[in-house]
Protein backbone atom coordinates (compact mmCIF):
# COMPACT_ATOMS: atom_id res chain seq x y z
CA MET A 1 15.22 8.24 14.81
CA SER A 2 14.20 8.92 11.22
CA GLU A 3 10.73 8.55 9.83
CA TYR A 4 9.96 7.09 6.43
CA MET A 5 7.19 7.15 3.85
CA TYR A 6 6.66 3.95 1.89
CA LEU A 7 4.62 4.58 -1.25
CA VAL A 8 2.92 1.76 -3.13
CA GLN A 9 1.39 2.69 -6.47
CA MET A 10 -0.66 0.42 -8.71
CA ASP A 11 -3.43 -0.01 -11.20
CA VAL A 12 -6.21 -2.57 -11.20
CA PRO A 13 -8.65 -3.54 -13.97
CA ALA A 14 -11.77 -1.37 -13.94
CA GLU A 15 -14.03 -4.35 -13.32
CA LEU A 16 -12.19 -5.09 -10.05
CA GLU A 17 -12.03 -1.54 -8.67
CA ALA A 18 -14.99 -1.93 -6.30
CA ASP A 19 -13.54 -5.13 -4.78
CA PHE A 20 -10.04 -3.63 -4.78
CA ASN A 21 -11.17 -0.62 -2.75
CA ARG A 22 -13.41 -2.62 -0.40
CA ILE A 23 -10.72 -5.21 0.39
CA TYR A 24 -7.98 -2.58 0.68
CA ASP A 25 -10.03 -0.47 3.11
CA THR A 26 -11.67 -3.21 5.20
CA GLN A 27 -8.95 -5.88 5.27
CA HIS A 28 -5.56 -4.80 3.98
CA VAL A 29 -5.15 -1.44 5.72
CA PRO A 30 -6.44 -2.65 9.12
CA GLU A 31 -3.98 -5.58 9.03
CA ILE A 32 -1.03 -3.38 8.02
CA LEU A 33 -1.87 -0.93 10.83
CA LYS A 34 -1.25 -3.76 13.32
CA VAL A 35 2.37 -4.11 12.17
CA PRO A 36 4.86 -2.70 14.69
CA GLY A 37 6.34 0.52 13.33
CA VAL A 38 3.43 1.43 11.05
CA LEU A 39 2.36 4.92 12.09
CA GLU A 40 -0.30 5.79 9.53
CA VAL A 41 -1.82 4.65 6.23
CA ARG A 42 -3.48 6.97 3.72
CA ARG A 43 -4.85 6.08 0.29
CA TYR A 44 -5.26 8.28 -2.76
CA VAL A 45 -6.62 8.01 -6.28
CA VAL A 46 -5.37 10.09 -9.19
CA GLU A 47 -7.29 13.30 -9.81
CA ARG A 48 -5.14 14.51 -12.71
CA SER A 49 -2.36 12.51 -14.26
CA VAL A 50 0.28 12.07 -16.89
CA PRO A 51 0.58 8.85 -18.91
CA GLU A 52 2.06 5.83 -17.14
CA VAL A 53 1.26 7.08 -13.60
CA PRO A 54 -0.59 4.44 -11.58
CA ARG A 55 -4.16 5.35 -10.61
CA TYR A 56 -3.91 4.35 -6.92
CA ILE A 57 -1.35 5.10 -4.24
CA ALA A 58 -1.09 3.98 -0.64
CA ALA A 59 1.16 6.06 1.61
CA TYR A 60 2.48 4.20 4.65
CA ARG A 61 4.19 6.34 7.28
CA VAL A 62 6.63 4.02 9.06
CA ALA A 63 9.11 4.34 11.91
CA SER A 64 12.03 2.67 10.14
CA ALA A 65 13.17 1.66 6.68
CA ASP A 66 12.93 -2.03 7.66
CA VAL A 67 9.21 -2.04 8.47
CA PRO A 68 7.88 -2.70 4.91
CA GLN A 69 10.09 -5.79 4.55
CA SER A 70 9.58 -7.13 8.07
CA PRO A 71 8.09 -10.59 8.68
CA ALA A 72 5.10 -8.93 10.40
CA TRP A 73 4.45 -6.77 7.31
CA VAL A 74 4.72 -9.72 4.93
CA LYS A 75 2.32 -11.75 7.09
CA ALA A 76 -0.17 -8.86 7.33
CA SER A 77 -0.04 -8.19 3.59
CA ASP A 78 -0.80 -11.86 2.89
CA THR A 79 -3.84 -11.91 5.20
CA GLY A 80 -7.43 -11.96 3.96
CA ASP A 81 -8.60 -11.71 0.37
CA TRP A 82 -5.87 -9.31 -0.75
CA LYS A 83 -3.30 -11.96 -1.67
CA THR A 84 -5.62 -14.24 -3.63
CA GLN A 85 -8.34 -12.00 -5.06
CA ILE A 86 -6.61 -8.67 -5.69
CA ARG A 87 -2.80 -8.82 -5.78
CA PRO A 88 -2.64 -11.14 -8.84
CA HIS A 89 -4.67 -8.60 -10.84
CA THR A 90 -2.71 -5.47 -9.98
CA PHE A 91 -0.27 -4.04 -12.49
CA ASN A 92 1.94 -1.00 -13.09
CA ARG A 93 3.16 -1.44 -9.50
CA ARG A 94 5.79 0.80 -7.97
CA HIS A 95 7.26 0.63 -4.47
CA THR A 96 9.30 3.57 -3.20
CA LEU A 97 10.73 4.35 0.24
CA TYR A 98 11.44 7.94 1.26
CA ARG A 99 13.26 9.22 4.35
CA LEU A 100 11.88 12.34 6.07
CA LEU A 101 14.33 15.23 5.84
CA PRO A 102 15.36 16.92 9.10
């Protein structure tokens, strides 16, 4: 079985960063970790960058390529304040799926 890394990159307006990080850490990540096939979630913020690179990245280690599009994932990602208070304000979003090399 292969392992995958699903990377989600985004920016959020500066005035929402505190809420963004609080909701991501206390609601969004715990819900996603309940999804079957999610092995680990790590979050990062840019230390040094080039133009156009999103400030935040979430790295989801998953057991299969289908996990990020599964009904359980969609339900978890729509739970709590994320969908209504944060998601509409995010921008410069990128979603990329990588397969672990043998």
